[in-house]
Amino acid sequence: MAGLTRAYLKRTFATGRFPVLATVARDAAHLDADHTFRIGLDFLLDGIEVRISR
């Protein structure tokens, strides 16, 4: 994340107003790019499969 974005998110999450988003962002920061891509691709392909089967 760019420095300004990181600072903004830290301030936003520190308010406690978005606990789920803060947890997701924290956990996602530790995923490697290949793993993240595969997960996203799986979601996309699953969605296409559901759409086609209708």
Protein backbone atom coordinates (compact mmCIF):
# COMPACT_ATOMS: atom_id res chain seq x y z
CA MET A 1 0.00 0.00 0.00
CA ALA A 2 1.16 3.49 -0.67
CA GLY A 3 2.18 5.48 2.39
CA LEU A 4 -0.83 7.81 2.29
CA THR A 5 -3.27 4.95 1.87
CA ARG A 6 -1.65 3.01 4.71
CA ALA A 7 -1.87 6.03 7.04
CA TYR A 8 -5.51 6.65 6.11
CA LEU A 9 -6.48 3.03 6.73
CA LYS A 10 -4.65 2.95 10.06
CA ARG A 11 -6.56 6.04 11.23
CA THR A 12 -9.86 4.67 9.92
CA PHE A 13 -9.42 1.25 11.52
CA ALA A 14 -8.29 2.81 14.80
CA THR A 15 -11.76 4.34 15.23
CA GLY A 16 -13.20 0.87 15.79
CA ARG A 17 -16.08 1.59 13.41
CA PHE A 18 -15.04 -1.10 10.92
CA PRO A 19 -13.83 -4.12 12.91
CA VAL A 20 -14.54 -6.72 10.24
CA LEU A 21 -12.86 -4.71 7.48
CA ALA A 22 -9.87 -4.07 9.74
CA THR A 23 -9.52 -7.80 10.38
CA VAL A 24 -9.82 -8.68 6.69
CA ALA A 25 -7.25 -6.06 5.70
CA ARG A 26 -4.83 -7.21 8.40
CA ASP A 27 -5.17 -10.87 7.43
CA ALA A 28 -4.99 -10.21 3.68
CA ALA A 29 -1.70 -8.34 4.05
CA HIS A 30 0.02 -11.66 4.78
CA LEU A 31 -1.17 -13.49 1.66
CA ASP A 32 1.22 -13.86 -1.23
CA ALA A 33 0.22 -12.55 -4.65
CA ASP A 34 -0.09 -15.99 -6.29
CA HIS A 35 -2.37 -17.28 -3.56
CA THR A 36 -4.53 -14.15 -3.72
CA PHE A 37 -4.78 -14.44 -7.51
CA ARG A 38 -5.84 -18.10 -7.33
CA ILE A 39 -8.54 -17.33 -4.77
CA GLY A 40 -9.88 -14.45 -6.87
CA LEU A 41 -9.83 -16.57 -10.01
CA ASP A 42 -11.70 -19.37 -8.23
CA PHE A 43 -14.40 -16.91 -7.10
CA LEU A 44 -14.71 -15.52 -10.61
CA LEU A 45 -14.95 -18.94 -12.26
CA ASP A 46 -17.44 -20.18 -9.66
CA GLY A 47 -19.61 -17.14 -10.38
CA ILE A 48 -19.46 -17.73 -14.12
CA GLU A 49 -20.38 -21.39 -13.61
CA VAL A 50 -23.44 -20.44 -11.53
CA ARG A 51 -24.49 -17.83 -14.07
CA ILE A 52 -24.21 -20.26 -16.98
CA SER A 53 -26.16 -22.99 -15.18
CA ARG A 54 -29.22 -20.76 -14.74
